[in-house]
Amino acid sequence: MITGPQLRAARALLGIDQRDLAQLAGLSPQTVQRMEACPGSVRAVVDSLEKVVTALADAGVEMIAEGAPSQGTGRGVRLIERKTTVRDGL
């Protein structure tokens, strides 16, 4: 499952905004905005989500599912789920 925070992080890696991602995916900026607003798994039409994931992949970002190994090479980041967050004081 792809999450809203994952989409925002992917955009940040590319240095693009929501409008840029929407254009790459052939969607409206409002659709991308709604997807990114999901705190957990993105709730969207499957076709729209596939367009976003494909656009990100074409731009060089691999979306990694929870617990899955990375299939690519290169630099990247992975969020490690913790019981507490940095904001909580570790």
PDB file of N, CA and C in Angstrom:
ATOM      1  N   MET A   1       0.825  -1.186   0.000  1.00  0.00           N
ATOM      2  CA  MET A   1       0.000   0.000   0.000  1.00  0.00           C
ATOM      3  C   MET A   1       0.874   1.256   0.000  1.00  0.00           C
ATOM      4  N   ILE A   2       0.464   2.225  -0.736  1.00  0.00           N
ATOM      5  CA  ILE A   2       1.155   3.513  -0.811  1.00  0.00           C
ATOM      6  C   ILE A   2       0.466   4.468   0.160  1.00  0.00           C
ATOM      7  N   THR A   3       1.253   5.245   0.895  1.00  0.00           N
ATOM      8  CA  THR A   3       0.688   6.187   1.857  1.00  0.00           C
ATOM      9  C   THR A   3       0.872   7.633   1.388  1.00  0.00           C
ATOM     10  N   GLY A   4       0.070   8.523   1.976  1.00  0.00           N
ATOM     11  CA  GLY A   4       0.197   9.940   1.680  1.00  0.00           C
ATOM     12  C   GLY A   4       1.588  10.476   1.988  1.00  0.00           C
ATOM     13  N   PRO A   5       2.140  10.157   3.171  1.00  0.00           N
ATOM     14  CA  PRO A   5       3.490  10.609   3.475  1.00  0.00           C
ATOM     15  C   PRO A   5       4.533  10.075   2.490  1.00  0.00           C
ATOM     16  N   GLN A   6       4.333   8.857   1.985  1.00  0.00           N
ATOM     17  CA  GLN A   6       5.251   8.305   0.978  1.00  0.00           C
ATOM     18  C   GLN A   6       5.230   9.144  -0.292  1.00  0.00           C
ATOM     19  N   LEU A   7       4.041   9.545  -0.715  1.00  0.00           N
ATOM     20  CA  LEU A   7       3.938  10.366  -1.924  1.00  0.00           C
ATOM     21  C   LEU A   7       4.622  11.708  -1.723  1.00  0.00           C
ATOM     22  N   ARG A   8       4.420  12.321  -0.557  1.00  0.00           N
ATOM     23  CA  ARG A   8       5.071  13.611  -0.288  1.00  0.00           C
ATOM     24  C   ARG A   8       6.589  13.459  -0.277  1.00  0.00           C
ATOM     25  N   ALA A   9       7.077  12.364   0.323  1.00  0.00           N
ATOM     26  CA  ALA A   9       8.525  12.118   0.371  1.00  0.00           C
ATOM     27  C   ALA A   9       9.072  11.892  -1.039  1.00  0.00           C
ATOM     28  N   ALA A  10       8.329  11.169  -1.854  1.00  0.00           N
ATOM     29  CA  ALA A  10       8.770  10.917  -3.230  1.00  0.00           C
ATOM     30  C   ALA A  10       8.889  12.225  -4.002  1.00  0.00           C
ATOM     31  N   ARG A  11       7.917  13.104  -3.820  1.00  0.00           N
ATOM     32  CA  ARG A  11       7.986  14.415  -4.489  1.00  0.00           C
ATOM     33  C   ARG A  11       9.189  15.204  -4.009  1.00  0.00           C
ATOM     34  N   ALA A  12       9.435  15.132  -2.689  1.00  0.00           N
ATOM     35  CA  ALA A  12      10.565  15.864  -2.122  1.00  0.00           C
ATOM     36  C   ALA A  12      11.882  15.363  -2.701  1.00  0.00           C
ATOM     37  N   LEU A  13      12.015  14.049  -2.879  1.00  0.00           N
ATOM     38  CA  LEU A  13      13.237  13.501  -3.474  1.00  0.00           C
ATOM     39  C   LEU A  13      13.459  14.059  -4.880  1.00  0.00           C
ATOM     40  N   LEU A  14      12.374  14.274  -5.596  1.00  0.00           N
ATOM     41  CA  LEU A  14      12.473  14.789  -6.962  1.00  0.00           C
ATOM     42  C   LEU A  14      12.541  16.318  -7.017  1.00  0.00           C
ATOM     43  N   GLY A  15      12.181  16.970  -5.921  1.00  0.00           N
ATOM     44  CA  GLY A  15      12.172  18.433  -5.904  1.00  0.00           C
ATOM     45  C   GLY A  15      11.051  19.024  -6.747  1.00  0.00           C
ATOM     46  N   ILE A  16       9.891  18.350  -6.747  1.00  0.00           N
ATOM     47  CA  ILE A  16       8.755  18.841  -7.522  1.00  0.00           C
ATOM     48  C   ILE A  16       7.581  19.132  -6.595  1.00  0.00           C
ATOM     49  N   ASP A  17       6.649  19.942  -7.069  1.00  0.00           N
ATOM     50  CA  ASP A  17       5.466  20.234  -6.267  1.00  0.00           C
ATOM     51  C   ASP A  17       4.285  19.394  -6.756  1.00  0.00           C
ATOM     52  N   GLN A  18       3.142  19.569  -6.104  1.00  0.00           N
ATOM     53  CA  GLN A  18       1.962  18.782  -6.446  1.00  0.00           C
ATOM     54  C   GLN A  18       1.516  19.004  -7.888  1.00  0.00           C
ATOM     55  N   ARG A  19       1.619  20.224  -8.349  1.00  0.00           N
ATOM     56  CA  ARG A  19       1.231  20.511  -9.744  1.00  0.00           C
ATOM     57  C   ARG A  19       2.113  19.757 -10.728  1.00  0.00           C
ATOM     58  N   ASP A  20       3.421  19.741 -10.448  1.00  0.00           N
ATOM     59  CA  ASP A  20       4.352  19.020 -11.323  1.00  0.00           C
ATOM     60  C   ASP A  20       4.014  17.529 -11.365  1.00  0.00           C
ATOM     61  N   LEU A  21       3.761  16.940 -10.194  1.00  0.00           N
ATOM     62  CA  LEU A  21       3.427  15.521 -10.145  1.00  0.00           C
ATOM     63  C   LEU A  21       2.115  15.255 -10.873  1.00  0.00           C
ATOM     64  N   ALA A  22       1.142  16.118 -10.670  1.00  0.00           N
ATOM     65  CA  ALA A  22      -0.143  15.955 -11.355  1.00  0.00           C
ATOM     66  C   ALA A  22       0.051  15.980 -12.868  1.00  0.00           C
ATOM     67  N   GLN A  23       0.863  16.904 -13.338  1.00  0.00           N
ATOM     68  CA  GLN A  23       1.117  17.004 -14.776  1.00  0.00           C
ATOM     69  C   GLN A  23       1.819  15.745 -15.285  1.00  0.00           C
ATOM     70  N   LEU A  24       2.815  15.262 -14.558  1.00  0.00           N
ATOM     71  CA  LEU A  24       3.525  14.041 -14.962  1.00  0.00           C
ATOM     72  C   LEU A  24       2.585  12.837 -15.021  1.00  0.00           C
ATOM     73  N   ALA A  25       1.614  12.803 -14.112  1.00  0.00           N
ATOM     74  CA  ALA A  25       0.697  11.670 -14.023  1.00  0.00           C
ATOM     75  C   ALA A  25      -0.558  11.841 -14.882  1.00  0.00           C
ATOM     76  N   GLY A  26      -0.754  13.039 -15.425  1.00  0.00           N
ATOM     77  CA  GLY A  26      -1.958  13.289 -16.217  1.00  0.00           C
ATOM     78  C   GLY A  26      -3.214  13.380 -15.368  1.00  0.00           C
ATOM     79  N   LEU A  27      -3.057  13.938 -14.160  1.00  0.00           N
ATOM     80  CA  LEU A  27      -4.171  14.089 -13.225  1.00  0.00           C
ATOM     81  C   LEU A  27      -4.313  15.550 -12.822  1.00  0.00           C
ATOM     82  N   SER A  28      -5.363  15.859 -12.094  1.00  0.00           N
ATOM     83  CA  SER A  28      -5.529  17.223 -11.595  1.00  0.00           C
ATOM     84  C   SER A  28      -4.706  17.396 -10.318  1.00  0.00           C
ATOM     85  N   PRO A  29      -4.260  18.620 -10.053  1.00  0.00           N
ATOM     86  CA  PRO A  29      -3.535  18.864  -8.804  1.00  0.00           C
ATOM     87  C   PRO A  29      -4.378  18.520  -7.573  1.00  0.00           C
ATOM     88  N   GLN A  30      -5.691  18.696  -7.671  1.00  0.00           N
ATOM     89  CA  GLN A  30      -6.572  18.377  -6.547  1.00  0.00           C
ATOM     90  C   GLN A  30      -6.555  16.877  -6.240  1.00  0.00           C
ATOM     91  N   THR A  31      -6.428  16.041  -7.267  1.00  0.00           N
ATOM     92  CA  THR A  31      -6.358  14.597  -7.050  1.00  0.00           C
ATOM     93  C   THR A  31      -5.093  14.237  -6.288  1.00  0.00           C
ATOM     94  N   VAL A  32      -3.965  14.804  -6.694  1.00  0.00           N
ATOM     95  CA  VAL A  32      -2.705  14.554  -5.998  1.00  0.00           C
ATOM     96  C   VAL A  32      -2.795  15.073  -4.567  1.00  0.00           C
ATOM     97  N   GLN A  33      -3.377  16.235  -4.389  1.00  0.00           N
ATOM     98  CA  GLN A  33      -3.524  16.820  -3.055  1.00  0.00           C
ATOM     99  C   GLN A  33      -4.349  15.899  -2.153  1.00  0.00           C
ATOM    100  N   ARG A  34      -5.445  15.353  -2.662  1.00  0.00           N
ATOM    101  CA  ARG A  34      -6.276  14.444  -1.866  1.00  0.00           C
ATOM    102  C   ARG A  34      -5.501  13.169  -1.505  1.00  0.00           C
ATOM    103  N   MET A  35      -4.740  12.643  -2.465  1.00  0.00           N
ATOM    104  CA  MET A  35      -3.954  11.437  -2.196  1.00  0.00           C
ATOM    105  C   MET A  35      -2.945  11.693  -1.077  1.00  0.00           C
ATOM    106  N   GLU A  36      -2.252  12.800  -1.151  1.00  0.00           N
ATOM    107  CA  GLU A  36      -1.223  13.116  -0.161  1.00  0.00           C
ATOM    108  C   GLU A  36      -1.803  13.448   1.203  1.00  0.00           C
ATOM    109  N   ALA A  37      -3.058  13.840   1.247  1.00  0.00           N
ATOM    110  CA  ALA A  37      -3.696  14.198   2.517  1.00  0.00           C
ATOM    111  C   ALA A  37      -4.061  12.961   3.341  1.00  0.00           C
ATOM    112  N   CYS A  38      -4.047  11.792   2.741  1.00  0.00           N
ATOM    113  CA  CYS A  38      -4.364  10.555   3.465  1.00  0.00           C
ATOM    114  C   CYS A  38      -3.252  10.268   4.471  1.00  0.00           C
ATOM    115  N   PRO A  39      -3.599  10.138   5.756  1.00  0.00           N
ATOM    116  CA  PRO A  39      -2.562   9.862   6.747  1.00  0.00           C
ATOM    117  C   PRO A  39      -1.990   8.447   6.635  1.00  0.00           C
ATOM    118  N   GLY A  40      -2.784   7.532   6.146  1.00  0.00           N
ATOM    119  CA  GLY A  40      -2.345   6.148   5.962  1.00  0.00           C
ATOM    120  C   GLY A  40      -2.361   5.806   4.488  1.00  0.00           C
ATOM    121  N   SER A  41      -2.868   4.630   4.186  1.00  0.00           N
ATOM    122  CA  SER A  41      -2.940   4.182   2.796  1.00  0.00           C
ATOM    123  C   SER A  41      -3.772   5.144   1.966  1.00  0.00           C
ATOM    124  N   VAL A  42      -3.278   5.427   0.770  1.00  0.00           N
ATOM    125  CA  VAL A  42      -3.962   6.358  -0.121  1.00  0.00           C
ATOM    126  C   VAL A  42      -5.285   5.749  -0.564  1.00  0.00           C
ATOM    127  N   ARG A  43      -6.330   6.537  -0.439  1.00  0.00           N
ATOM    128  CA  ARG A  43      -7.653   6.123  -0.910  1.00  0.00           C
ATOM    129  C   ARG A  43      -7.920   6.874  -2.196  1.00  0.00           C
ATOM    130  N   ALA A  44      -7.855   6.150  -3.279  1.00  0.00           N
ATOM    131  CA  ALA A  44      -8.045   6.781  -4.584  1.00  0.00           C
ATOM    132  C   ALA A  44      -8.492   5.721  -5.587  1.00  0.00           C
ATOM    133  N   VAL A  45      -8.943   6.181  -6.726  1.00  0.00           N
ATOM    134  CA  VAL A  45      -9.255   5.274  -7.816  1.00  0.00           C
ATOM    135  C   VAL A  45      -7.948   4.582  -8.208  1.00  0.00           C
ATOM    136  N   VAL A  46      -7.999   3.278  -8.365  1.00  0.00           N
ATOM    137  CA  VAL A  46      -6.791   2.498  -8.654  1.00  0.00           C
ATOM    138  C   VAL A  46      -6.052   3.052  -9.870  1.00  0.00           C
ATOM    139  N   ASP A  47      -6.774   3.417 -10.903  1.00  0.00           N
ATOM    140  CA  ASP A  47      -6.151   3.954 -12.115  1.00  0.00           C
ATOM    141  C   ASP A  47      -5.350   5.221 -11.809  1.00  0.00           C
ATOM    142  N   SER A  48      -5.904   6.093 -10.979  1.00  0.00           N
ATOM    143  CA  SER A  48      -5.212   7.339 -10.623  1.00  0.00           C
ATOM    144  C   SER A  48      -3.951   7.047  -9.819  1.00  0.00           C
ATOM    145  N   LEU A  49      -4.045   6.124  -8.877  1.00  0.00           N
ATOM    146  CA  LEU A  49      -2.882   5.779  -8.069  1.00  0.00           C
ATOM    147  C   LEU A  49      -1.800   5.142  -8.940  1.00  0.00           C
ATOM    148  N   GLU A  50      -2.194   4.294  -9.870  1.00  0.00           N
ATOM    149  CA  GLU A  50      -1.223   3.679 -10.782  1.00  0.00           C
ATOM    150  C   GLU A  50      -0.523   4.736 -11.632  1.00  0.00           C
ATOM    151  N   LYS A  51      -1.262   5.761 -12.059  1.00  0.00           N
ATOM    152  CA  LYS A  51      -0.661   6.838 -12.854  1.00  0.00           C
ATOM    153  C   LYS A  51       0.392   7.588 -12.043  1.00  0.00           C
ATOM    154  N   VAL A  52       0.100   7.838 -10.777  1.00  0.00           N
ATOM    155  CA  VAL A  52       1.053   8.551  -9.920  1.00  0.00           C
ATOM    156  C   VAL A  52       2.296   7.695  -9.683  1.00  0.00           C
ATOM    157  N   VAL A  53       2.104   6.434  -9.355  1.00  0.00           N
ATOM    158  CA  VAL A  53       3.238   5.539  -9.088  1.00  0.00           C
ATOM    159  C   VAL A  53       4.094   5.387 -10.347  1.00  0.00           C
ATOM    160  N   THR A  54       3.452   5.259 -11.498  1.00  0.00           N
ATOM    161  CA  THR A  54       4.190   5.148 -12.764  1.00  0.00           C
ATOM    162  C   THR A  54       4.958   6.432 -13.061  1.00  0.00           C
ATOM    163  N   ALA A  55       4.335   7.582 -12.839  1.00  0.00           N
ATOM    164  CA  ALA A  55       5.005   8.862 -13.080  1.00  0.00           C
ATOM    165  C   ALA A  55       6.222   9.003 -12.171  1.00  0.00           C
ATOM    166  N   LEU A  56       6.084   8.608 -10.918  1.00  0.00           N
ATOM    167  CA  LEU A  56       7.215   8.679  -9.985  1.00  0.00           C
ATOM    168  C   LEU A  56       8.320   7.713 -10.401  1.00  0.00           C
ATOM    169  N   ALA A  57       7.938   6.510 -10.819  1.00  0.00           N
ATOM    170  CA  ALA A  57       8.934   5.528 -11.258  1.00  0.00           C
ATOM    171  C   ALA A  57       9.670   6.031 -12.499  1.00  0.00           C
ATOM    172  N   ASP A  58       8.933   6.601 -13.438  1.00  0.00           N
ATOM    173  CA  ASP A  58       9.553   7.141 -14.650  1.00  0.00           C
ATOM    174  C   ASP A  58      10.522   8.279 -14.335  1.00  0.00           C
ATOM    175  N   ALA A  59      10.222   9.004 -13.233  1.00  0.00           N
ATOM    176  CA  ALA A  59      11.080  10.114 -12.823  1.00  0.00           C
ATOM    177  C   ALA A  59      12.263   9.638 -11.966  1.00  0.00           C
ATOM    178  N   GLY A  60      12.251   8.337 -11.583  1.00  0.00           N
ATOM    179  CA  GLY A  60      13.382   7.791 -10.854  1.00  0.00           C
ATOM    180  C   GLY A  60      13.156   7.450  -9.393  1.00  0.00           C
ATOM    181  N   VAL A  61      11.898   7.384  -8.959  1.00  0.00           N
ATOM    182  CA  VAL A  61      11.609   7.065  -7.568  1.00  0.00           C
ATOM    183  C   VAL A  61      10.964   5.686  -7.477  1.00  0.00           C
ATOM    184  N   GLU A  62      11.548   4.833  -6.652  1.00  0.00           N
ATOM    185  CA  GLU A  62      10.987   3.505  -6.394  1.00  0.00           C
ATOM    186  C   GLU A  62      10.139   3.570  -5.130  1.00  0.00           C
ATOM    187  N   MET A  63       8.894   3.180  -5.238  1.00  0.00           N
ATOM    188  CA  MET A  63       8.018   3.118  -4.069  1.00  0.00           C
ATOM    189  C   MET A  63       8.221   1.742  -3.425  1.00  0.00           C
ATOM    190  N   ILE A  64       8.597   1.722  -2.149  1.00  0.00           N
ATOM    191  CA  ILE A  64       8.902   0.477  -1.457  1.00  0.00           C
ATOM    192  C   ILE A  64       7.776   0.162  -0.478  1.00  0.00           C
ATOM    193  N   ALA A  65       7.181  -1.001  -0.637  1.00  0.00           N
ATOM    194  CA  ALA A  65       6.104  -1.419   0.257  1.00  0.00           C
ATOM    195  C   ALA A  65       6.669  -1.792   1.623  1.00  0.00           C
ATOM    196  N   GLU A  66       5.823  -1.752   2.634  1.00  0.00           N
ATOM    197  CA  GLU A  66       6.209  -2.109   3.996  1.00  0.00           C
ATOM    198  C   GLU A  66       6.856  -3.495   4.021  1.00  0.00           C
ATOM    199  N   GLY A  67       8.062  -3.577   4.543  1.00  0.00           N
ATOM    200  CA  GLY A  67       8.754  -4.842   4.686  1.00  0.00           C
ATOM    201  C   GLY A  67       9.363  -5.409   3.417  1.00  0.00           C
ATOM    202  N   ALA A  68       9.215  -4.703   2.302  1.00  0.00           N
ATOM    203  CA  ALA A  68       9.740  -5.200   1.031  1.00  0.00           C
ATOM    204  C   ALA A  68      11.164  -4.707   0.817  1.00  0.00           C
ATOM    205  N   PRO A  69      11.991  -5.522   0.175  1.00  0.00           N
ATOM    206  CA  PRO A  69      13.338  -5.058  -0.161  1.00  0.00           C
ATOM    207  C   PRO A  69      13.282  -4.116  -1.351  1.00  0.00           C
ATOM    208  N   SER A  70      14.264  -3.271  -1.461  1.00  0.00           N
ATOM    209  CA  SER A  70      14.369  -2.397  -2.621  1.00  0.00           C
ATOM    210  C   SER A  70      14.881  -3.217  -3.801  1.00  0.00           C
ATOM    211  N   GLN A  71      14.284  -3.012  -4.953  1.00  0.00           N
ATOM    212  CA  GLN A  71      14.679  -3.730  -6.149  1.00  0.00           C
ATOM    213  C   GLN A  71      15.703  -2.960  -6.975  1.00  0.00           C
ATOM    214  N   GLY A  72      15.852  -1.681  -6.665  1.00  0.00           N
ATOM    215  CA  GLY A  72      16.732  -0.842  -7.468  1.00  0.00           C
ATOM    216  C   GLY A  72      18.070  -0.593  -6.805  1.00  0.00           C
ATOM    217  N   THR A  73      18.830   0.260  -7.439  1.00  0.00           N
ATOM    218  CA  THR A  73      20.093   0.702  -6.885  1.00  0.00           C
ATOM    219  C   THR A  73      20.063   2.218  -6.822  1.00  0.00           C
ATOM    220  N   GLY A  74      20.964   2.776  -6.097  1.00  0.00           N
ATOM    221  CA  GLY A  74      21.007   4.232  -5.979  1.00  0.00           C
ATOM    222  C   GLY A  74      20.674   4.667  -4.567  1.00  0.00           C
ATOM    223  N   ARG A  75      20.583   5.976  -4.410  1.00  0.00           N
ATOM    224  CA  ARG A  75      20.302   6.535  -3.095  1.00  0.00           C
ATOM    225  C   ARG A  75      18.814   6.503  -2.818  1.00  0.00           C
ATOM    226  N   GLY A  76      18.452   6.575  -1.555  1.00  0.00           N
ATOM    227  CA  GLY A  76      17.048   6.625  -1.195  1.00  0.00           C
ATOM    228  C   GLY A  76      16.883   6.667   0.305  1.00  0.00           C
ATOM    229  N   VAL A  77      15.657   6.672   0.717  1.00  0.00           N
ATOM    230  CA  VAL A  77      15.345   6.681   2.136  1.00  0.00           C
ATOM    231  C   VAL A  77      14.234   5.681   2.405  1.00  0.00           C
ATOM    232  N   ARG A  78      14.192   5.219   3.631  1.00  0.00           N
ATOM    233  CA  ARG A  78      13.102   4.354   4.077  1.00  0.00           C
ATOM    234  C   ARG A  78      12.735   4.806   5.477  1.00  0.00           C
ATOM    235  N   LEU A  79      11.453   5.003   5.748  1.00  0.00           N
ATOM    236  CA  LEU A  79      10.976   5.372   7.067  1.00  0.00           C
ATOM    237  C   LEU A  79      10.862   4.107   7.909  1.00  0.00           C
ATOM    238  N   ILE A  80      11.514   4.097   9.052  1.00  0.00           N
ATOM    239  CA  ILE A  80      11.437   2.973   9.970  1.00  0.00           C
ATOM    240  C   ILE A  80      10.403   3.331  11.024  1.00  0.00           C
ATOM    241  N   GLU A  81       9.355   2.541  11.100  1.00  0.00           N
ATOM    242  CA  GLU A  81       8.293   2.806  12.077  1.00  0.00           C
ATOM    243  C   GLU A  81       8.806   2.561  13.488  1.00  0.00           C
ATOM    244  N   ARG A  82       8.610   3.516  14.345  1.00  0.00           N
ATOM    245  CA  ARG A  82       9.024   3.434  15.746  1.00  0.00           C
ATOM    246  C   ARG A  82       7.804   3.612  16.625  1.00  0.00           C
ATOM    247  N   LYS A  83       7.904   3.152  17.865  1.00  0.00           N
ATOM    248  CA  LYS A  83       6.806   3.336  18.800  1.00  0.00           C
ATOM    249  C   LYS A  83       6.645   4.793  19.179  1.00  0.00           C
ATOM    250  N   THR A  84       7.760   5.514  19.257  1.00  0.00           N
ATOM    251  CA  THR A  84       7.720   6.949  19.543  1.00  0.00           C
ATOM    252  C   THR A  84       8.398   7.666  18.388  1.00  0.00           C
ATOM    253  N   THR A  85       8.136   8.924  18.278  1.00  0.00           N
ATOM    254  CA  THR A  85       8.733   9.702  17.210  1.00  0.00           C
ATOM    255  C   THR A  85       9.736  10.687  17.778  1.00  0.00           C
ATOM    256  N   VAL A  86      10.493  11.299  16.902  1.00  0.00           N
ATOM    257  CA  VAL A  86      11.459  12.309  17.319  1.00  0.00           C
ATOM    258  C   VAL A  86      10.731  13.424  18.052  1.00  0.00           C
ATOM    259  N   ARG A  87       9.555  13.778  17.587  1.00  0.00           N
ATOM    260  CA  ARG A  87       8.783  14.845  18.232  1.00  0.00           C
ATOM    261  C   ARG A  87       8.387  14.467  19.648  1.00  0.00           C
ATOM    262  N   ASP A  88       8.199  13.165  19.897  1.00  0.00           N
ATOM    263  CA  ASP A  88       7.816  12.698  21.225  1.00  0.00           C
ATOM    264  C   ASP A  88       8.989  12.670  22.201  1.00  0.00           C
ATOM    265  N   GLY A  89      10.173  12.961  21.720  1.00  0.00           N
ATOM    266  CA  GLY A  89      11.352  12.974  22.577  1.00  0.00           C
ATOM    267  C   GLY A  89      12.106  11.650  22.590  1.00  0.00           C
ATOM    268  N   LEU A  90      11.992  10.909  21.510  1.00  0.00           N
ATOM    269  CA  LEU A  90      12.682   9.631  21.370  1.00  0.00           C
ATOM    270  C   LEU A  90      12.216   8.733  22.462  1.00  0.00           C
TER     271      LEU A  90
END
